Amino acid sequence: MSTRPSNAARSHQAVRLLDVQPTDRVVELGCGPGVAVAALAARATQGLVVGVDHSAVMIGQARRRNHAAVRADRVRLLRTPVEQLSLDEGVFDAALAINTVGMWPDPPVRLRHVARLLRPGGRIALIGQPRRPGADAADSESVGRTLADLLSEVGIEHVRTEMLALDPPAAWVLGRTPRDLAEGD
């Protein structure tokens, strides 16, 4: 997974578009081998990046790839399903999920859970790139609409979609949690 040029390009573009700042606390949902975790940690130099994956193999690969940042406690890697992620790690400024939302059972429930882990006004980015043979720009646009609709359905605001120029294109969807999210809890 980490050796495909399109996977690395998609991860790096997604991190750039998420606009991670040096002190941000960021969570990647379904971090796989840690490619995006490394790119996030390169930007959140004084913050924290938490990578979450259900696969022990992927967490092991992510740990090897991010060894120095893990030792410096700038990266934490957790083997857990998204819905079991708690505020034990604190509130996050941003969340990222690359090509994983479509594999989640009941994505709206999980996205609501993720939104509660974000500070008011926190950013969430979902990236989807069709991986079937023959996928084209129309397929990517459909993925983008689906991801945007999911974010809107769970109350994420200011949702916008961009297409990343890959083959096939990747849909990048960004939104923000409502500013008054925490006030109702």
N, C-alpha and C. Protein backbone atom coordinates (compact mmCIF):
# COMPACT_ATOMS: atom_id res chain seq x y z
N MET A 1 0.81 -1.20 0.00
CA MET A 1 0.00 0.00 0.00
C MET A 1 0.86 1.26 0.00
N SER A 2 1.91 1.26 0.78
CA SER A 2 2.72 2.48 0.90
C SER A 2 3.64 2.68 -0.28
N THR A 3 3.81 1.65 -1.11
CA THR A 3 4.74 1.77 -2.23
C THR A 3 4.07 2.27 -3.51
N ARG A 4 2.75 2.31 -3.55
CA ARG A 4 2.06 2.84 -4.72
C ARG A 4 2.26 4.34 -4.78
N PRO A 5 2.79 4.87 -5.89
CA PRO A 5 2.98 6.32 -5.99
C PRO A 5 1.69 7.10 -5.79
N SER A 6 0.55 6.56 -6.26
CA SER A 6 -0.71 7.29 -6.10
C SER A 6 -1.12 7.37 -4.63
N ASN A 7 -0.82 6.33 -3.83
CA ASN A 7 -1.15 6.38 -2.41
C ASN A 7 -0.33 7.44 -1.69
N ALA A 8 0.96 7.49 -1.97
CA ALA A 8 1.81 8.51 -1.34
C ALA A 8 1.39 9.91 -1.78
N ALA A 9 1.14 10.10 -3.07
CA ALA A 9 0.72 11.41 -3.57
C ALA A 9 -0.60 11.83 -2.93
N ARG A 10 -1.54 10.89 -2.85
CA ARG A 10 -2.85 11.20 -2.26
C ARG A 10 -2.69 11.60 -0.79
N SER A 11 -1.88 10.88 -0.06
CA SER A 11 -1.67 11.19 1.36
C SER A 11 -1.04 12.56 1.55
N HIS A 12 -0.01 12.85 0.78
CA HIS A 12 0.68 14.13 0.93
C HIS A 12 -0.21 15.31 0.52
N GLN A 13 -0.99 15.14 -0.55
CA GLN A 13 -1.90 16.21 -0.95
C GLN A 13 -2.99 16.41 0.09
N ALA A 14 -3.51 15.33 0.63
CA ALA A 14 -4.56 15.43 1.65
C ALA A 14 -4.06 16.18 2.88
N VAL A 15 -2.85 15.87 3.30
CA VAL A 15 -2.28 16.54 4.48
C VAL A 15 -2.07 18.03 4.20
N ARG A 16 -1.59 18.34 3.01
CA ARG A 16 -1.38 19.75 2.64
C ARG A 16 -2.71 20.51 2.66
N LEU A 17 -3.75 19.92 2.07
CA LEU A 17 -5.05 20.59 2.01
C LEU A 17 -5.71 20.70 3.38
N LEU A 18 -5.39 19.81 4.30
CA LEU A 18 -5.95 19.87 5.65
C LEU A 18 -5.38 21.05 6.44
N ASP A 19 -4.28 21.61 5.94
CA ASP A 19 -3.67 22.80 6.53
C ASP A 19 -3.28 22.60 8.00
N VAL A 20 -2.55 21.53 8.25
CA VAL A 20 -2.10 21.21 9.60
C VAL A 20 -1.06 22.24 10.04
N GLN A 21 -1.25 22.74 11.25
CA GLN A 21 -0.35 23.74 11.84
C GLN A 21 0.59 23.07 12.84
N PRO A 22 1.70 23.72 13.18
CA PRO A 22 2.71 23.10 14.06
C PRO A 22 2.18 22.59 15.40
N THR A 23 1.20 23.25 16.00
CA THR A 23 0.73 22.81 17.32
C THR A 23 -0.56 21.98 17.25
N ASP A 24 -1.00 21.63 16.07
CA ASP A 24 -2.26 20.88 15.92
C ASP A 24 -2.15 19.48 16.51
N ARG A 25 -3.30 19.02 16.97
CA ARG A 25 -3.50 17.64 17.41
C ARG A 25 -4.40 17.01 16.36
N VAL A 26 -3.89 15.98 15.69
CA VAL A 26 -4.57 15.40 14.53
C VAL A 26 -4.73 13.90 14.70
N VAL A 27 -5.86 13.37 14.27
CA VAL A 27 -6.09 11.94 14.28
C VAL A 27 -6.33 11.47 12.85
N GLU A 28 -5.64 10.38 12.47
CA GLU A 28 -5.93 9.75 11.19
C GLU A 28 -6.65 8.44 11.46
N LEU A 29 -7.81 8.30 10.85
CA LEU A 29 -8.68 7.15 11.04
C LEU A 29 -8.43 6.14 9.92
N GLY A 30 -7.89 5.00 10.29
CA GLY A 30 -7.49 4.02 9.28
C GLY A 30 -6.14 4.41 8.72
N CYS A 31 -5.15 4.51 9.59
CA CYS A 31 -3.84 5.07 9.20
C CYS A 31 -3.01 4.14 8.33
N GLY A 32 -3.41 2.88 8.21
CA GLY A 32 -2.65 1.97 7.36
C GLY A 32 -1.17 1.96 7.73
N PRO A 33 -0.28 1.97 6.74
CA PRO A 33 1.16 1.85 7.01
C PRO A 33 1.81 3.15 7.49
N GLY A 34 1.02 4.19 7.74
CA GLY A 34 1.56 5.40 8.36
C GLY A 34 2.13 6.45 7.42
N VAL A 35 1.82 6.38 6.14
CA VAL A 35 2.33 7.37 5.19
C VAL A 35 1.80 8.76 5.53
N ALA A 36 0.48 8.88 5.70
CA ALA A 36 -0.09 10.19 6.04
C ALA A 36 0.29 10.61 7.46
N VAL A 37 0.42 9.64 8.37
CA VAL A 37 0.85 9.96 9.73
C VAL A 37 2.20 10.67 9.68
N ALA A 38 3.12 10.16 8.88
CA ALA A 38 4.45 10.78 8.75
C ALA A 38 4.34 12.20 8.19
N ALA A 39 3.50 12.38 7.18
CA ALA A 39 3.32 13.71 6.59
C ALA A 39 2.65 14.66 7.59
N LEU A 40 1.70 14.14 8.36
CA LEU A 40 1.05 14.97 9.40
C LEU A 40 2.06 15.37 10.47
N ALA A 41 2.87 14.42 10.91
CA ALA A 41 3.87 14.70 11.95
C ALA A 41 4.91 15.70 11.47
N ALA A 42 5.22 15.70 10.18
CA ALA A 42 6.17 16.67 9.64
C ALA A 42 5.62 18.09 9.73
N ARG A 43 4.31 18.23 9.75
CA ARG A 43 3.68 19.56 9.87
C ARG A 43 3.35 19.91 11.32
N ALA A 44 2.88 18.92 12.09
CA ALA A 44 2.50 19.15 13.49
C ALA A 44 3.73 18.92 14.37
N THR A 45 4.74 19.72 14.17
CA THR A 45 6.04 19.50 14.82
C THR A 45 6.01 19.71 16.33
N GLN A 46 5.04 20.47 16.83
CA GLN A 46 4.90 20.69 18.27
C GLN A 46 3.58 20.16 18.79
N GLY A 47 2.86 19.44 17.94
CA GLY A 47 1.56 18.90 18.30
C GLY A 47 1.62 17.40 18.51
N LEU A 48 0.53 16.74 18.18
CA LEU A 48 0.42 15.30 18.35
C LEU A 48 -0.36 14.74 17.17
N VAL A 49 0.10 13.62 16.65
CA VAL A 49 -0.62 12.89 15.61
C VAL A 49 -0.94 11.51 16.18
N VAL A 50 -2.22 11.15 16.11
CA VAL A 50 -2.66 9.84 16.56
C VAL A 50 -3.15 9.08 15.33
N GLY A 51 -2.54 7.94 15.09
CA GLY A 51 -2.96 7.07 13.99
C GLY A 51 -3.74 5.91 14.56
N VAL A 52 -4.89 5.64 13.96
CA VAL A 52 -5.78 4.59 14.44
C VAL A 52 -6.01 3.59 13.30
N ASP A 53 -5.88 2.31 13.60
CA ASP A 53 -6.18 1.29 12.60
C ASP A 53 -6.59 0.03 13.34
N HIS A 54 -7.45 -0.77 12.73
CA HIS A 54 -7.88 -2.02 13.35
C HIS A 54 -6.89 -3.16 13.11
N SER A 55 -5.93 -2.95 12.20
CA SER A 55 -5.00 -4.01 11.81
C SER A 55 -3.67 -3.91 12.56
N ALA A 56 -3.30 -4.98 13.21
CA ALA A 56 -2.00 -5.02 13.90
C ALA A 56 -0.86 -4.90 12.90
N VAL A 57 -1.01 -5.47 11.72
CA VAL A 57 0.03 -5.39 10.68
C VAL A 57 0.25 -3.94 10.27
N MET A 58 -0.84 -3.21 10.03
CA MET A 58 -0.73 -1.81 9.62
C MET A 58 -0.12 -0.95 10.74
N ILE A 59 -0.53 -1.19 11.97
CA ILE A 59 0.03 -0.43 13.08
C ILE A 59 1.53 -0.71 13.19
N GLY A 60 1.94 -1.95 12.98
CA GLY A 60 3.36 -2.30 13.00
C GLY A 60 4.14 -1.56 11.92
N GLN A 61 3.59 -1.52 10.71
CA GLN A 61 4.25 -0.80 9.62
C GLN A 61 4.30 0.70 9.92
N ALA A 62 3.21 1.25 10.44
CA ALA A 62 3.18 2.67 10.78
C ALA A 62 4.20 2.99 11.88
N ARG A 63 4.33 2.09 12.84
CA ARG A 63 5.30 2.29 13.94
C ARG A 63 6.73 2.31 13.39
N ARG A 64 7.04 1.40 12.48
CA ARG A 64 8.39 1.38 11.89
C ARG A 64 8.63 2.66 11.07
N ARG A 65 7.65 3.06 10.29
CA ARG A 65 7.81 4.24 9.44
C ARG A 65 7.97 5.52 10.28
N ASN A 66 7.34 5.57 11.44
CA ASN A 66 7.31 6.78 12.27
C ASN A 66 8.07 6.60 13.57
N HIS A 67 9.07 5.73 13.56
CA HIS A 67 9.79 5.35 14.77
C HIS A 67 10.28 6.55 15.60
N ALA A 68 10.95 7.49 14.96
CA ALA A 68 11.50 8.63 15.71
C ALA A 68 10.41 9.48 16.33
N ALA A 69 9.33 9.73 15.58
CA ALA A 69 8.24 10.56 16.10
C ALA A 69 7.49 9.83 17.22
N VAL A 70 7.40 8.50 17.14
CA VAL A 70 6.78 7.73 18.22
C VAL A 70 7.64 7.84 19.47
N ARG A 71 8.95 7.68 19.32
CA ARG A 71 9.86 7.80 20.48
C ARG A 71 9.80 9.18 21.11
N ALA A 72 9.60 10.21 20.30
CA ALA A 72 9.51 11.58 20.80
C ALA A 72 8.12 11.92 21.33
N ASP A 73 7.19 10.95 21.31
CA ASP A 73 5.80 11.11 21.75
C ASP A 73 5.06 12.20 20.95
N ARG A 74 5.45 12.35 19.68
CA ARG A 74 4.71 13.26 18.78
C ARG A 74 3.73 12.47 17.93
N VAL A 75 3.90 11.13 17.91
CA VAL A 75 2.99 10.23 17.20
C VAL A 75 2.62 9.10 18.15
N ARG A 76 1.32 8.83 18.22
CA ARG A 76 0.81 7.68 18.96
C ARG A 76 0.01 6.83 17.99
N LEU A 77 0.19 5.54 18.06
CA LEU A 77 -0.50 4.63 17.16
C LEU A 77 -1.35 3.67 17.98
N LEU A 78 -2.62 3.58 17.64
CA LEU A 78 -3.57 2.79 18.41
C LEU A 78 -4.24 1.76 17.53
N ARG A 79 -4.25 0.53 17.99
CA ARG A 79 -4.99 -0.52 17.28
C ARG A 79 -6.37 -0.59 17.92
N THR A 80 -7.32 0.05 17.28
CA THR A 80 -8.68 0.10 17.80
C THR A 80 -9.64 0.49 16.68
N PRO A 81 -10.87 0.05 16.75
CA PRO A 81 -11.87 0.53 15.78
C PRO A 81 -12.17 2.01 16.05
N VAL A 82 -12.55 2.71 15.01
CA VAL A 82 -12.82 4.15 15.12
C VAL A 82 -13.82 4.45 16.23
N GLU A 83 -14.89 3.66 16.33
CA GLU A 83 -15.94 3.97 17.31
C GLU A 83 -15.49 3.76 18.75
N GLN A 84 -14.34 3.13 18.95
CA GLN A 84 -13.84 2.95 20.31
C GLN A 84 -12.78 3.98 20.69
N LEU A 85 -12.46 4.86 19.76
CA LEU A 85 -11.52 5.94 20.06
C LEU A 85 -12.17 6.88 21.07
N SER A 86 -11.43 7.24 22.11
CA SER A 86 -12.01 8.07 23.17
C SER A 86 -11.24 9.36 23.33
N LEU A 87 -11.72 10.18 24.21
CA LEU A 87 -11.06 11.45 24.50
C LEU A 87 -9.86 11.28 25.43
N ASP A 88 -9.46 10.02 25.68
CA ASP A 88 -8.25 9.79 26.48
C ASP A 88 -7.04 10.48 25.85
N GLU A 89 -7.05 10.60 24.54
CA GLU A 89 -5.95 11.28 23.83
C GLU A 89 -6.17 12.78 23.79
N GLY A 90 -7.30 13.28 24.28
CA GLY A 90 -7.60 14.71 24.26
C GLY A 90 -8.44 15.07 23.05
N VAL A 91 -8.77 16.35 22.95
CA VAL A 91 -9.57 16.86 21.84
C VAL A 91 -8.63 17.14 20.67
N PHE A 92 -9.12 16.88 19.46
CA PHE A 92 -8.31 17.06 18.27
C PHE A 92 -8.71 18.31 17.50
N ASP A 93 -7.73 18.89 16.81
CA ASP A 93 -7.97 20.02 15.92
C ASP A 93 -8.44 19.57 14.56
N ALA A 94 -8.02 18.36 14.15
CA ALA A 94 -8.34 17.87 12.81
C ALA A 94 -8.38 16.36 12.80
N ALA A 95 -9.17 15.83 11.85
CA ALA A 95 -9.26 14.39 11.63
C ALA A 95 -9.16 14.13 10.14
N LEU A 96 -8.55 13.02 9.80
CA LEU A 96 -8.34 12.64 8.41
C LEU A 96 -8.68 11.17 8.22
N ALA A 97 -9.41 10.86 7.15
CA ALA A 97 -9.70 9.47 6.79
C ALA A 97 -9.52 9.33 5.29
N ILE A 98 -8.57 8.50 4.89
CA ILE A 98 -8.26 8.30 3.47
C ILE A 98 -8.70 6.91 3.05
N ASN A 99 -9.67 6.87 2.16
CA ASN A 99 -10.17 5.61 1.59
C ASN A 99 -10.61 4.60 2.64
N THR A 100 -11.20 5.07 3.73
CA THR A 100 -11.66 4.13 4.75
C THR A 100 -13.15 4.22 5.05
N VAL A 101 -13.75 5.38 4.86
CA VAL A 101 -15.15 5.57 5.25
C VAL A 101 -16.06 4.55 4.58
N GLY A 102 -15.79 4.22 3.33
CA GLY A 102 -16.62 3.25 2.61
C GLY A 102 -16.55 1.84 3.19
N MET A 103 -15.59 1.57 4.03
CA MET A 103 -15.46 0.24 4.65
C MET A 103 -16.06 0.20 6.06
N TRP A 104 -16.47 1.35 6.57
CA TRP A 104 -17.03 1.39 7.93
C TRP A 104 -18.46 0.90 7.93
N PRO A 105 -18.82 0.06 8.91
CA PRO A 105 -20.24 -0.20 9.08
C PRO A 105 -20.87 1.06 9.68
N ASP A 106 -21.96 1.49 9.13
CA ASP A 106 -22.71 2.65 9.61
C ASP A 106 -21.86 3.92 9.71
N PRO A 107 -21.36 4.43 8.57
CA PRO A 107 -20.52 5.63 8.57
C PRO A 107 -21.10 6.84 9.32
N PRO A 108 -22.42 7.12 9.23
CA PRO A 108 -22.91 8.29 9.98
C PRO A 108 -22.67 8.19 11.49
N VAL A 109 -22.87 7.00 12.04
CA VAL A 109 -22.65 6.82 13.49
C VAL A 109 -21.18 7.09 13.82
N ARG A 110 -20.28 6.54 13.03
CA ARG A 110 -18.85 6.72 13.29
C ARG A 110 -18.43 8.17 13.08
N LEU A 111 -18.98 8.82 12.07
CA LEU A 111 -18.62 10.23 11.83
C LEU A 111 -19.13 11.13 12.96
N ARG A 112 -20.30 10.83 13.50
CA ARG A 112 -20.79 11.61 14.65
C ARG A 112 -19.82 11.44 15.83
N HIS A 113 -19.36 10.21 16.02
CA HIS A 113 -18.40 9.94 17.09
C HIS A 113 -17.11 10.74 16.86
N VAL A 114 -16.61 10.74 15.64
CA VAL A 114 -15.39 11.49 15.32
C VAL A 114 -15.62 12.98 15.56
N ALA A 115 -16.76 13.50 15.18
CA ALA A 115 -17.05 14.93 15.37
C ALA A 115 -16.98 15.31 16.85
N ARG A 116 -17.41 14.40 17.72
CA ARG A 116 -17.35 14.69 19.16
C ARG A 116 -15.92 14.72 19.69
N LEU A 117 -14.97 14.12 18.94
CA LEU A 117 -13.57 14.13 19.34
C LEU A 117 -12.85 15.40 18.89
N LEU A 118 -13.52 16.20 18.07
CA LEU A 118 -12.92 17.42 17.54
C LEU A 118 -13.35 18.63 18.35
N ARG A 119 -12.45 19.58 18.46
CA ARG A 119 -12.79 20.84 19.13
C ARG A 119 -13.85 21.57 18.29
N PRO A 120 -14.62 22.48 18.88
CA PRO A 120 -15.54 23.28 18.07
C PRO A 120 -14.75 24.01 16.96
N GLY A 121 -15.24 23.92 15.76
CA GLY A 121 -14.55 24.50 14.61
C GLY A 121 -13.44 23.62 14.06
N GLY A 122 -13.31 22.40 14.60
CA GLY A 122 -12.28 21.47 14.14
C GLY A 122 -12.53 21.02 12.71
N ARG A 123 -11.45 20.65 12.04
CA ARG A 123 -11.52 20.26 10.63
C ARG A 123 -11.58 18.74 10.50
N ILE A 124 -12.36 18.30 9.53
CA ILE A 124 -12.40 16.88 9.19
C ILE A 124 -12.29 16.76 7.68
N ALA A 125 -11.38 15.91 7.24
CA ALA A 125 -11.18 15.68 5.81
C ALA A 125 -11.36 14.20 5.51
N LEU A 126 -12.18 13.93 4.51
CA LEU A 126 -12.40 12.57 4.03
C LEU A 126 -11.92 12.52 2.59
N ILE A 127 -11.14 11.52 2.27
CA ILE A 127 -10.64 11.36 0.91
C ILE A 127 -11.11 10.01 0.40
N GLY A 128 -11.60 10.02 -0.82
CA GLY A 128 -12.03 8.78 -1.46
C GLY A 128 -11.52 8.73 -2.89
N GLN A 129 -10.88 7.63 -3.23
CA GLN A 129 -10.37 7.43 -4.58
C GLN A 129 -10.83 6.04 -5.03
N PRO A 130 -11.70 5.99 -6.05
CA PRO A 130 -12.15 4.68 -6.52
C PRO A 130 -10.96 3.82 -6.94
N ARG A 131 -10.96 2.57 -6.53
CA ARG A 131 -9.83 1.69 -6.81
C ARG A 131 -10.19 0.55 -7.75
N ARG A 132 -11.38 0.57 -8.32
CA ARG A 132 -11.76 -0.52 -9.23
C ARG A 132 -11.22 -0.25 -10.63
N PRO A 133 -10.97 -1.29 -11.41
CA PRO A 133 -10.50 -1.09 -12.78
C PRO A 133 -11.50 -0.27 -13.58
N GLY A 134 -11.00 0.66 -14.36
CA GLY A 134 -11.85 1.49 -15.20
C GLY A 134 -12.46 2.69 -14.50
N ALA A 135 -12.15 2.90 -13.23
CA ALA A 135 -12.70 4.06 -12.52
C ALA A 135 -12.25 5.34 -13.20
N ASP A 136 -13.15 6.31 -13.24
CA ASP A 136 -12.84 7.56 -13.93
C ASP A 136 -13.28 8.75 -13.09
N ALA A 137 -13.20 9.93 -13.67
CA ALA A 137 -13.53 11.17 -12.96
C ALA A 137 -14.98 11.17 -12.48
N ALA A 138 -15.90 10.61 -13.27
CA ALA A 138 -17.30 10.57 -12.85
C ALA A 138 -17.47 9.72 -11.59
N ASP A 139 -16.74 8.62 -11.52
CA ASP A 139 -16.78 7.79 -10.31
C ASP A 139 -16.25 8.57 -9.11
N SER A 140 -15.18 9.29 -9.32
CA SER A 140 -14.58 10.09 -8.24
C SER A 140 -15.54 11.19 -7.79
N GLU A 141 -16.21 11.82 -8.73
CA GLU A 141 -17.18 12.86 -8.36
C GLU A 141 -18.33 12.27 -7.56
N SER A 142 -18.75 11.06 -7.90
CA SER A 142 -19.81 10.39 -7.15
C SER A 142 -19.36 10.10 -5.72
N VAL A 143 -18.12 9.63 -5.58
CA VAL A 143 -17.55 9.39 -4.25
C VAL A 143 -17.53 10.69 -3.45
N GLY A 144 -17.12 11.78 -4.09
CA GLY A 144 -17.08 13.07 -3.42
C GLY A 144 -18.45 13.52 -2.94
N ARG A 145 -19.47 13.34 -3.77
CA ARG A 145 -20.84 13.71 -3.36
C ARG A 145 -21.29 12.88 -2.17
N THR A 146 -20.98 11.58 -2.21
CA THR A 146 -21.37 10.70 -1.10
C THR A 146 -20.70 11.13 0.20
N LEU A 147 -19.41 11.41 0.15
CA LEU A 147 -18.68 11.84 1.36
C LEU A 147 -19.20 13.18 1.86
N ALA A 148 -19.45 14.12 0.95
CA ALA A 148 -19.98 15.43 1.34
C ALA A 148 -21.35 15.28 1.98
N ASP A 149 -22.20 14.44 1.41
CA ASP A 149 -23.53 14.22 1.98
C ASP A 149 -23.43 13.61 3.38
N LEU A 150 -22.50 12.68 3.57
CA LEU A 150 -22.31 12.09 4.90
C LEU A 150 -21.91 13.14 5.93
N LEU A 151 -20.96 14.00 5.56
CA LEU A 151 -20.54 15.03 6.51
C LEU A 151 -21.70 15.97 6.84
N SER A 152 -22.44 16.37 5.83
CA SER A 152 -23.59 17.26 6.08
C SER A 152 -24.62 16.57 6.95
N GLU A 153 -24.86 15.28 6.71
CA GLU A 153 -25.85 14.52 7.47
C GLU A 153 -25.53 14.49 8.96
N VAL A 154 -24.25 14.48 9.32
CA VAL A 154 -23.88 14.40 10.73
C VAL A 154 -23.64 15.78 11.35
N GLY A 155 -23.96 16.84 10.61
CA GLY A 155 -23.89 18.18 11.18
C GLY A 155 -22.58 18.91 10.95
N ILE A 156 -21.72 18.39 10.10
CA ILE A 156 -20.48 19.09 9.78
C ILE A 156 -20.83 20.26 8.86
N GLU A 157 -20.23 21.39 9.10
CA GLU A 157 -20.56 22.61 8.36
C GLU A 157 -19.45 22.98 7.37
N HIS A 158 -19.78 23.94 6.51
CA HIS A 158 -18.82 24.50 5.54
C HIS A 158 -18.14 23.40 4.73
N VAL A 159 -18.94 22.43 4.27
CA VAL A 159 -18.41 21.30 3.52
C VAL A 159 -18.05 21.75 2.10
N ARG A 160 -16.84 21.40 1.70
CA ARG A 160 -16.41 21.70 0.32
C ARG A 160 -15.67 20.49 -0.22
N THR A 161 -15.71 20.35 -1.53
CA THR A 161 -15.10 19.21 -2.20
C THR A 161 -14.12 19.70 -3.25
N GLU A 162 -12.99 19.04 -3.34
CA GLU A 162 -12.02 19.28 -4.40
C GLU A 162 -11.63 17.93 -4.99
N MET A 163 -11.20 17.97 -6.21
CA MET A 163 -10.71 16.75 -6.85
C MET A 163 -9.19 16.84 -6.92
N LEU A 164 -8.52 15.80 -6.45
CA LEU A 164 -7.08 15.73 -6.52
C LEU A 164 -6.70 15.07 -7.85
N ALA A 165 -5.81 15.70 -8.58
CA ALA A 165 -5.45 15.24 -9.92
C ALA A 165 -4.57 14.00 -9.86
N LEU A 166 -5.22 12.86 -9.65
CA LEU A 166 -4.56 11.57 -9.66
C LEU A 166 -5.28 10.70 -10.69
N ASP A 167 -4.85 9.47 -10.86
CA ASP A 167 -5.50 8.60 -11.83
C ASP A 167 -5.98 7.34 -11.13
N PRO A 168 -7.28 7.18 -10.87
CA PRO A 168 -8.33 8.16 -11.13
C PRO A 168 -8.27 9.28 -10.10
N PRO A 169 -8.99 10.39 -10.37
CA PRO A 169 -8.97 11.49 -9.41
C PRO A 169 -9.43 11.03 -8.03
N ALA A 170 -8.95 11.69 -7.01
CA ALA A 170 -9.39 11.42 -5.64
C ALA A 170 -10.26 12.59 -5.20
N ALA A 171 -11.37 12.27 -4.57
CA ALA A 171 -12.25 13.30 -4.03
C ALA A 171 -11.80 13.64 -2.62
N TRP A 172 -11.61 14.91 -2.37
CA TRP A 172 -11.19 15.40 -1.06
C TRP A 172 -12.33 16.27 -0.53
N VAL A 173 -12.88 15.92 0.63
CA VAL A 173 -14.02 16.64 1.19
C VAL A 173 -13.63 17.13 2.57
N LEU A 174 -13.78 18.42 2.78
CA LEU A 174 -13.40 19.04 4.06
C LEU A 174 -14.60 19.75 4.66
N GLY A 175 -14.72 19.66 5.97
CA GLY A 175 -15.75 20.39 6.69
C GLY A 175 -15.25 20.75 8.07
N ARG A 176 -16.08 21.49 8.79
CA ARG A 176 -15.74 21.91 10.16
C ARG A 176 -16.88 21.55 11.11
N THR A 177 -16.51 21.21 12.34
CA THR A 177 -17.53 20.96 13.34
C THR A 177 -18.14 22.31 13.71
N PRO A 178 -19.41 22.31 14.12
CA PRO A 178 -20.04 23.56 14.52
C PRO A 178 -19.29 24.18 15.70
N ARG A 179 -19.23 25.49 15.71
CA ARG A 179 -18.53 26.21 16.80
C ARG A 179 -19.16 25.95 18.16
N ASP A 180 -20.46 25.70 18.19
CA ASP A 180 -21.15 25.51 19.47
C ASP A 180 -21.36 24.03 19.81
N LEU A 181 -20.63 23.15 19.16
CA LEU A 181 -20.80 21.71 19.36
C LEU A 181 -20.66 21.30 20.82
N ALA A 182 -19.63 21.78 21.48
CA ALA A 182 -19.36 21.37 22.86
C ALA A 182 -20.34 21.97 23.86
N GLU A 183 -20.99 23.07 23.50
CA GLU A 183 -21.89 23.74 24.44
C GLU A 183 -23.13 22.92 24.78
N GLY A 184 -23.56 22.03 23.85
CA GLY A 184 -24.75 21.24 24.09
C GLY A 184 -24.48 19.95 24.84
N ASP A 185 -23.22 19.60 25.06
CA ASP A 185 -22.89 18.33 25.74
C ASP A 185 -22.92 18.46 27.24
